[in-house]
Amino acid sequence: MTPEKKIVSLKKFLEMDKGEDRLEYFNGEVIYLPSPSVEHQRVLLNIGAELRNYFKGTSCEAFALIDLWLINKENP
């Protein structure tokens, strides 16, 4: 049996997102994200190191963790 989805406002999500849980907000639904596995973090670190070396001496810079907000202005 699939649990019923609970839709919340963006304002409510922003209040919830101040804790330590990793949350994602999509179409009004709050999705709890588990911590990345050790293998995932190892791969991320290796890719980041390669990108850092590739961009060394240029004006570009690689980042590993960035909060990303995508907003559809046509259908808010």
PDB file of N, CA and C in Angstrom:
ATOM      1  N   MET A   1       0.842  -1.181   0.000  1.00  0.00           N
ATOM      2  CA  MET A   1       0.000   0.000   0.000  1.00  0.00           C
ATOM      3  C   MET A   1       0.890   1.249   0.000  1.00  0.00           C
ATOM      4  N   THR A   2       0.674   2.131  -0.959  1.00  0.00           N
ATOM      5  CA  THR A   2       1.456   3.356  -1.083  1.00  0.00           C
ATOM      6  C   THR A   2       0.910   4.419  -0.142  1.00  0.00           C
ATOM      7  N   PRO A   3       1.805   5.074   0.638  1.00  0.00           N
ATOM      8  CA  PRO A   3       1.306   6.131   1.529  1.00  0.00           C
ATOM      9  C   PRO A   3       0.763   7.307   0.734  1.00  0.00           C
ATOM     10  N   GLU A   4      -0.243   7.954   1.279  1.00  0.00           N
ATOM     11  CA  GLU A   4      -0.855   9.108   0.626  1.00  0.00           C
ATOM     12  C   GLU A   4       0.112  10.282   0.644  1.00  0.00           C
ATOM     13  N   LYS A   5       0.220  10.981  -0.502  1.00  0.00           N
ATOM     14  CA  LYS A   5       1.101  12.139  -0.585  1.00  0.00           C
ATOM     15  C   LYS A   5       0.471  13.315   0.147  1.00  0.00           C
ATOM     16  N   LYS A   6       1.285  14.028   0.897  1.00  0.00           N
ATOM     17  CA  LYS A   6       0.816  15.210   1.602  1.00  0.00           C
ATOM     18  C   LYS A   6       1.407  16.430   0.898  1.00  0.00           C
ATOM     19  N   ILE A   7       0.552  17.313   0.419  1.00  0.00           N
ATOM     20  CA  ILE A   7       0.986  18.513  -0.283  1.00  0.00           C
ATOM     21  C   ILE A   7       1.083  19.655   0.729  1.00  0.00           C
ATOM     22  N   VAL A   8       2.215  20.380   0.679  1.00  0.00           N
ATOM     23  CA  VAL A   8       2.416  21.523   1.573  1.00  0.00           C
ATOM     24  C   VAL A   8       2.793  22.747   0.746  1.00  0.00           C
ATOM     25  N   SER A   9       2.612  23.911   1.332  1.00  0.00           N
ATOM     26  CA  SER A   9       2.975  25.151   0.653  1.00  0.00           C
ATOM     27  C   SER A   9       4.490  25.333   0.693  1.00  0.00           C
ATOM     28  N   LEU A  10       4.988  26.186  -0.193  1.00  0.00           N
ATOM     29  CA  LEU A  10       6.415  26.490  -0.197  1.00  0.00           C
ATOM     30  C   LEU A  10       6.811  27.131   1.126  1.00  0.00           C
ATOM     31  N   LYS A  11       5.956  27.980   1.676  1.00  0.00           N
ATOM     32  CA  LYS A  11       6.247  28.626   2.960  1.00  0.00           C
ATOM     33  C   LYS A  11       6.429  27.575   4.060  1.00  0.00           C
ATOM     34  N   LYS A  12       5.541  26.582   4.105  1.00  0.00           N
ATOM     35  CA  LYS A  12       5.639  25.522   5.106  1.00  0.00           C
ATOM     36  C   LYS A  12       6.919  24.706   4.901  1.00  0.00           C
ATOM     37  N   PHE A  13       7.239  24.408   3.629  1.00  0.00           N
ATOM     38  CA  PHE A  13       8.464  23.669   3.343  1.00  0.00           C
ATOM     39  C   PHE A  13       9.687  24.429   3.840  1.00  0.00           C
ATOM     40  N   LEU A  14       9.744  25.732   3.602  1.00  0.00           N
ATOM     41  CA  LEU A  14      10.887  26.530   4.038  1.00  0.00           C
ATOM     42  C   LEU A  14      11.023  26.513   5.557  1.00  0.00           C
ATOM     43  N   GLU A  15       9.907  26.439   6.267  1.00  0.00           N
ATOM     44  CA  GLU A  15       9.953  26.315   7.727  1.00  0.00           C
ATOM     45  C   GLU A  15      10.501  24.943   8.128  1.00  0.00           C
ATOM     46  N   MET A  16      10.103  23.906   7.407  1.00  0.00           N
ATOM     47  CA  MET A  16      10.545  22.544   7.698  1.00  0.00           C
ATOM     48  C   MET A  16      12.022  22.356   7.370  1.00  0.00           C
ATOM     49  N   ASP A  17      12.513  23.082   6.377  1.00  0.00           N
ATOM     50  CA  ASP A  17      13.850  22.874   5.829  1.00  0.00           C
ATOM     51  C   ASP A  17      14.955  23.486   6.689  1.00  0.00           C
ATOM     52  N   LYS A  18      14.634  23.951   7.876  1.00  0.00           N
ATOM     53  CA  LYS A  18      15.636  24.562   8.747  1.00  0.00           C
ATOM     54  C   LYS A  18      16.290  23.548   9.677  1.00  0.00           C
ATOM     55  N   GLY A  19      15.847  22.311   9.618  1.00  0.00           N
ATOM     56  CA  GLY A  19      16.407  21.273  10.479  1.00  0.00           C
ATOM     57  C   GLY A  19      17.593  20.592   9.832  1.00  0.00           C
ATOM     58  N   GLU A  20      17.957  19.451  10.374  1.00  0.00           N
ATOM     59  CA  GLU A  20      19.107  18.712   9.858  1.00  0.00           C
ATOM     60  C   GLU A  20      18.733  17.710   8.777  1.00  0.00           C
ATOM     61  N   ASP A  21      17.438  17.427   8.605  1.00  0.00           N
ATOM     62  CA  ASP A  21      17.016  16.486   7.572  1.00  0.00           C
ATOM     63  C   ASP A  21      17.300  17.061   6.192  1.00  0.00           C
ATOM     64  N   ARG A  22      17.642  16.172   5.265  1.00  0.00           N
ATOM     65  CA  ARG A  22      17.835  16.585   3.878  1.00  0.00           C
ATOM     66  C   ARG A  22      16.478  16.460   3.190  1.00  0.00           C
ATOM     67  N   LEU A  23      15.959  17.587   2.734  1.00  0.00           N
ATOM     68  CA  LEU A  23      14.626  17.620   2.143  1.00  0.00           C
ATOM     69  C   LEU A  23      14.687  18.162   0.722  1.00  0.00           C
ATOM     70  N   GLU A  24      13.720  17.732  -0.068  1.00  0.00           N
ATOM     71  CA  GLU A  24      13.543  18.250  -1.418  1.00  0.00           C
ATOM     72  C   GLU A  24      12.070  18.586  -1.577  1.00  0.00           C
ATOM     73  N   TYR A  25      11.778  19.634  -2.313  1.00  0.00           N
ATOM     74  CA  TYR A  25      10.403  20.093  -2.515  1.00  0.00           C
ATOM     75  C   TYR A  25      10.091  19.999  -3.998  1.00  0.00           C
ATOM     76  N   PHE A  26       9.075  19.227  -4.362  1.00  0.00           N
ATOM     77  CA  PHE A  26       8.724  19.038  -5.765  1.00  0.00           C
ATOM     78  C   PHE A  26       7.220  18.980  -5.916  1.00  0.00           C
ATOM     79  N   ASN A  27       6.664  19.939  -6.648  1.00  0.00           N
ATOM     80  CA  ASN A  27       5.215  20.007  -6.884  1.00  0.00           C
ATOM     81  C   ASN A  27       4.409  19.941  -5.596  1.00  0.00           C
ATOM     82  N   GLY A  28       4.888  20.631  -4.560  1.00  0.00           N
ATOM     83  CA  GLY A  28       4.165  20.682  -3.302  1.00  0.00           C
ATOM     84  C   GLY A  28       4.422  19.522  -2.363  1.00  0.00           C
ATOM     85  N   GLU A  29       5.166  18.533  -2.824  1.00  0.00           N
ATOM     86  CA  GLU A  29       5.458  17.354  -2.003  1.00  0.00           C
ATOM     87  C   GLU A  29       6.849  17.469  -1.383  1.00  0.00           C
ATOM     88  N   VAL A  30       6.956  17.137  -0.108  1.00  0.00           N
ATOM     89  CA  VAL A  30       8.246  17.131   0.576  1.00  0.00           C
ATOM     90  C   VAL A  30       8.813  15.716   0.501  1.00  0.00           C
ATOM     91  N   ILE A  31      10.031  15.608   0.007  1.00  0.00           N
ATOM     92  CA  ILE A  31      10.682  14.316  -0.141  1.00  0.00           C
ATOM     93  C   ILE A  31      11.883  14.292   0.794  1.00  0.00           C
ATOM     94  N   TYR A  32      11.921  13.312   1.686  1.00  0.00           N
ATOM     95  CA  TYR A  32      13.046  13.148   2.602  1.00  0.00           C
ATOM     96  C   TYR A  32      14.141  12.360   1.888  1.00  0.00           C
ATOM     97  N   LEU A  33      15.352  12.904   1.871  1.00  0.00           N
ATOM     98  CA  LEU A  33      16.459  12.277   1.167  1.00  0.00           C
ATOM     99  C   LEU A  33      17.412  11.613   2.158  1.00  0.00           C
ATOM    100  N   PRO A  34      17.777  10.371   1.918  1.00  0.00           N
ATOM    101  CA  PRO A  34      18.750   9.720   2.799  1.00  0.00           C
ATOM    102  C   PRO A  34      20.137  10.309   2.562  1.00  0.00           C
ATOM    103  N   SER A  35      21.033  10.134   3.517  1.00  0.00           N
ATOM    104  CA  SER A  35      22.412  10.569   3.330  1.00  0.00           C
ATOM    105  C   SER A  35      23.040   9.748   2.212  1.00  0.00           C
ATOM    106  N   PRO A  36      23.944  10.361   1.446  1.00  0.00           N
ATOM    107  CA  PRO A  36      24.609   9.610   0.379  1.00  0.00           C
ATOM    108  C   PRO A  36      25.450   8.469   0.960  1.00  0.00           C
ATOM    109  N   SER A  37      25.551   7.390   0.217  1.00  0.00           N
ATOM    110  CA  SER A  37      26.355   6.248   0.659  1.00  0.00           C
ATOM    111  C   SER A  37      27.840   6.609   0.628  1.00  0.00           C
ATOM    112  N   VAL A  38      28.650   5.797   1.276  1.00  0.00           N
ATOM    113  CA  VAL A  38      30.096   6.009   1.279  1.00  0.00           C
ATOM    114  C   VAL A  38      30.627   5.950  -0.158  1.00  0.00           C
ATOM    115  N   GLU A  39      30.147   4.981  -0.931  1.00  0.00           N
ATOM    116  CA  GLU A  39      30.599   4.851  -2.322  1.00  0.00           C
ATOM    117  C   GLU A  39      30.228   6.097  -3.130  1.00  0.00           C
ATOM    118  N   HIS A  40      29.025   6.617  -2.941  1.00  0.00           N
ATOM    119  CA  HIS A  40      28.596   7.829  -3.639  1.00  0.00           C
ATOM    120  C   HIS A  40      29.524   8.998  -3.296  1.00  0.00           C
ATOM    121  N   GLN A  41      29.844   9.154  -2.024  1.00  0.00           N
ATOM    122  CA  GLN A  41      30.714  10.247  -1.595  1.00  0.00           C
ATOM    123  C   GLN A  41      32.125  10.074  -2.158  1.00  0.00           C
ATOM    124  N   ARG A  42      32.599   8.833  -2.244  1.00  0.00           N
ATOM    125  CA  ARG A  42      33.915   8.551  -2.812  1.00  0.00           C
ATOM    126  C   ARG A  42      33.951   8.959  -4.289  1.00  0.00           C
ATOM    127  N   VAL A  43      32.926   8.590  -5.036  1.00  0.00           N
ATOM    128  CA  VAL A  43      32.849   8.948  -6.453  1.00  0.00           C
ATOM    129  C   VAL A  43      32.784  10.470  -6.609  1.00  0.00           C
ATOM    130  N   LEU A  44      31.956  11.117  -5.802  1.00  0.00           N
ATOM    131  CA  LEU A  44      31.830  12.576  -5.857  1.00  0.00           C
ATOM    132  C   LEU A  44      33.175  13.255  -5.604  1.00  0.00           C
ATOM    133  N   LEU A  45      33.916  12.779  -4.610  1.00  0.00           N
ATOM    134  CA  LEU A  45      35.216  13.357  -4.285  1.00  0.00           C
ATOM    135  C   LEU A  45      36.195  13.175  -5.446  1.00  0.00           C
ATOM    136  N   ASN A  46      36.191  11.989  -6.060  1.00  0.00           N
ATOM    137  CA  ASN A  46      37.087  11.738  -7.195  1.00  0.00           C
ATOM    138  C   ASN A  46      36.747  12.627  -8.390  1.00  0.00           C
ATOM    139  N   ILE A  47      35.473  12.777  -8.687  1.00  0.00           N
ATOM    140  CA  ILE A  47      35.069  13.657  -9.792  1.00  0.00           C
ATOM    141  C   ILE A  47      35.449  15.103  -9.474  1.00  0.00           C
ATOM    142  N   GLY A  48      35.207  15.530  -8.240  1.00  0.00           N
ATOM    143  CA  GLY A  48      35.557  16.892  -7.834  1.00  0.00           C
ATOM    144  C   GLY A  48      37.044  17.163  -7.956  1.00  0.00           C
ATOM    145  N   ALA A  49      37.871  16.182  -7.572  1.00  0.00           N
ATOM    146  CA  ALA A  49      39.322  16.340  -7.676  1.00  0.00           C
ATOM    147  C   ALA A  49      39.744  16.474  -9.133  1.00  0.00           C
ATOM    148  N   GLU A  50      39.152  15.670  -9.999  1.00  0.00           N
ATOM    149  CA  GLU A  50      39.463  15.764 -11.434  1.00  0.00           C
ATOM    150  C   GLU A  50      39.073  17.129 -11.989  1.00  0.00           C
ATOM    151  N   LEU A  51      37.884  17.595 -11.627  1.00  0.00           N
ATOM    152  CA  LEU A  51      37.439  18.911 -12.111  1.00  0.00           C
ATOM    153  C   LEU A  51      38.325  20.027 -11.565  1.00  0.00           C
ATOM    154  N   ARG A  52      38.699  19.941 -10.300  1.00  0.00           N
ATOM    155  CA  ARG A  52      39.573  20.962  -9.707  1.00  0.00           C
ATOM    156  C   ARG A  52      40.893  21.027 -10.476  1.00  0.00           C
ATOM    157  N   ASN A  53      41.470  19.871 -10.769  1.00  0.00           N
ATOM    158  CA  ASN A  53      42.727  19.832 -11.514  1.00  0.00           C
ATOM    159  C   ASN A  53      42.561  20.352 -12.942  1.00  0.00           C
ATOM    160  N   TYR A  54      41.451  20.001 -13.574  1.00  0.00           N
ATOM    161  CA  TYR A  54      41.184  20.437 -14.945  1.00  0.00           C
ATOM    162  C   TYR A  54      41.067  21.956 -15.033  1.00  0.00           C
ATOM    163  N   PHE A  55      40.408  22.565 -14.050  1.00  0.00           N
ATOM    164  CA  PHE A  55      40.170  24.006 -14.079  1.00  0.00           C
ATOM    165  C   PHE A  55      41.291  24.827 -13.438  1.00  0.00           C
ATOM    166  N   LYS A  56      42.307  24.168 -12.886  1.00  0.00           N
ATOM    167  CA  LYS A  56      43.407  24.881 -12.229  1.00  0.00           C
ATOM    168  C   LYS A  56      44.035  25.877 -13.208  1.00  0.00           C
ATOM    169  N   GLY A  57      44.210  27.108 -12.755  1.00  0.00           N
ATOM    170  CA  GLY A  57      44.814  28.141 -13.592  1.00  0.00           C
ATOM    171  C   GLY A  57      43.834  28.852 -14.511  1.00  0.00           C
ATOM    172  N   THR A  58      42.535  28.515 -14.400  1.00  0.00           N
ATOM    173  CA  THR A  58      41.516  29.186 -15.207  1.00  0.00           C
ATOM    174  C   THR A  58      40.600  29.990 -14.289  1.00  0.00           C
ATOM    175  N   SER A  59      39.659  30.692 -14.860  1.00  0.00           N
ATOM    176  CA  SER A  59      38.707  31.458 -14.048  1.00  0.00           C
ATOM    177  C   SER A  59      37.516  30.592 -13.593  1.00  0.00           C
ATOM    178  N   CYS A  60      37.495  29.310 -13.987  1.00  0.00           N
ATOM    179  CA  CYS A  60      36.404  28.407 -13.603  1.00  0.00           C
ATOM    180  C   CYS A  60      36.714  27.720 -12.281  1.00  0.00           C
ATOM    181  N   GLU A  61      35.664  27.304 -11.600  1.00  0.00           N
ATOM    182  CA  GLU A  61      35.813  26.648 -10.313  1.00  0.00           C
ATOM    183  C   GLU A  61      34.730  25.572 -10.180  1.00  0.00           C
ATOM    184  N   ALA A  62      35.084  24.439  -9.585  1.00  0.00           N
ATOM    185  CA  ALA A  62      34.130  23.344  -9.388  1.00  0.00           C
ATOM    186  C   ALA A  62      33.600  23.363  -7.962  1.00  0.00           C
ATOM    187  N   PHE A  63      32.311  23.065  -7.797  1.00  0.00           N
ATOM    188  CA  PHE A  63      31.679  22.996  -6.485  1.00  0.00           C
ATOM    189  C   PHE A  63      31.006  21.641  -6.334  1.00  0.00           C
ATOM    190  N   ALA A  64      30.980  21.115  -5.111  1.00  0.00           N
ATOM    191  CA  ALA A  64      30.372  19.812  -4.862  1.00  0.00           C
ATOM    192  C   ALA A  64      28.945  19.928  -4.337  1.00  0.00           C
ATOM    193  N   LEU A  65      28.681  20.870  -3.446  1.00  0.00           N
ATOM    194  CA  LEU A  65      27.353  20.995  -2.849  1.00  0.00           C
ATOM    195  C   LEU A  65      26.795  22.391  -3.088  1.00  0.00           C
ATOM    196  N   ILE A  66      25.697  22.449  -3.795  1.00  0.00           N
ATOM    197  CA  ILE A  66      25.052  23.727  -4.062  1.00  0.00           C
ATOM    198  C   ILE A  66      23.548  23.518  -3.916  1.00  0.00           C
ATOM    199  N   ASP A  67      22.887  24.386  -3.151  1.00  0.00           N
ATOM    200  CA  ASP A  67      21.430  24.349  -3.107  1.00  0.00           C
ATOM    201  C   ASP A  67      20.918  24.851  -4.442  1.00  0.00           C
ATOM    202  N   LEU A  68      20.010  24.127  -5.037  1.00  0.00           N
ATOM    203  CA  LEU A  68      19.505  24.474  -6.357  1.00  0.00           C
ATOM    204  C   LEU A  68      18.000  24.674  -6.289  1.00  0.00           C
ATOM    205  N   TRP A  69      17.552  25.817  -6.753  1.00  0.00           N
ATOM    206  CA  TRP A  69      16.120  26.129  -6.791  1.00  0.00           C
ATOM    207  C   TRP A  69      15.726  26.366  -8.233  1.00  0.00           C
ATOM    208  N   LEU A  70      14.792  25.575  -8.730  1.00  0.00           N
ATOM    209  CA  LEU A  70      14.244  25.764 -10.069  1.00  0.00           C
ATOM    210  C   LEU A  70      12.798  26.184  -9.935  1.00  0.00           C
ATOM    211  N   ILE A  71      12.464  27.323 -10.516  1.00  0.00           N
ATOM    212  CA  ILE A  71      11.104  27.844 -10.405  1.00  0.00           C
ATOM    213  C   ILE A  71      10.533  28.041 -11.799  1.00  0.00           C
ATOM    214  N   ASN A  72       9.377  27.470 -12.043  1.00  0.00           N
ATOM    215  CA  ASN A  72       8.675  27.639 -13.300  1.00  0.00           C
ATOM    216  C   ASN A  72       7.849  28.915 -13.219  1.00  0.00           C
ATOM    217  N   LYS A  73       8.306  29.976 -13.840  1.00  0.00           N
ATOM    218  CA  LYS A  73       7.620  31.267 -13.749  1.00  0.00           C
ATOM    219  C   LYS A  73       6.294  31.277 -14.501  1.00  0.00           C
ATOM    220  N   GLU A  74       6.131  30.349 -15.445  1.00  0.00           N
ATOM    221  CA  GLU A  74       4.884  30.272 -16.196  1.00  0.00           C
ATOM    222  C   GLU A  74       3.789  29.542 -15.417  1.00  0.00           C
ATOM    223  N   ASN A  75       4.183  28.668 -14.490  1.00  0.00           N
ATOM    224  CA  ASN A  75       3.226  27.888 -13.721  1.00  0.00           C
ATOM    225  C   ASN A  75       3.730  27.776 -12.276  1.00  0.00           C
ATOM    226  N   PRO A  76       3.655  28.882 -11.499  1.00  0.00           N
ATOM    227  CA  PRO A  76       4.241  28.892 -10.154  1.00  0.00           C
ATOM    228  C   PRO A  76       3.581  27.952  -9.168  1.00  0.00           C
TER     229      PRO A  76
END
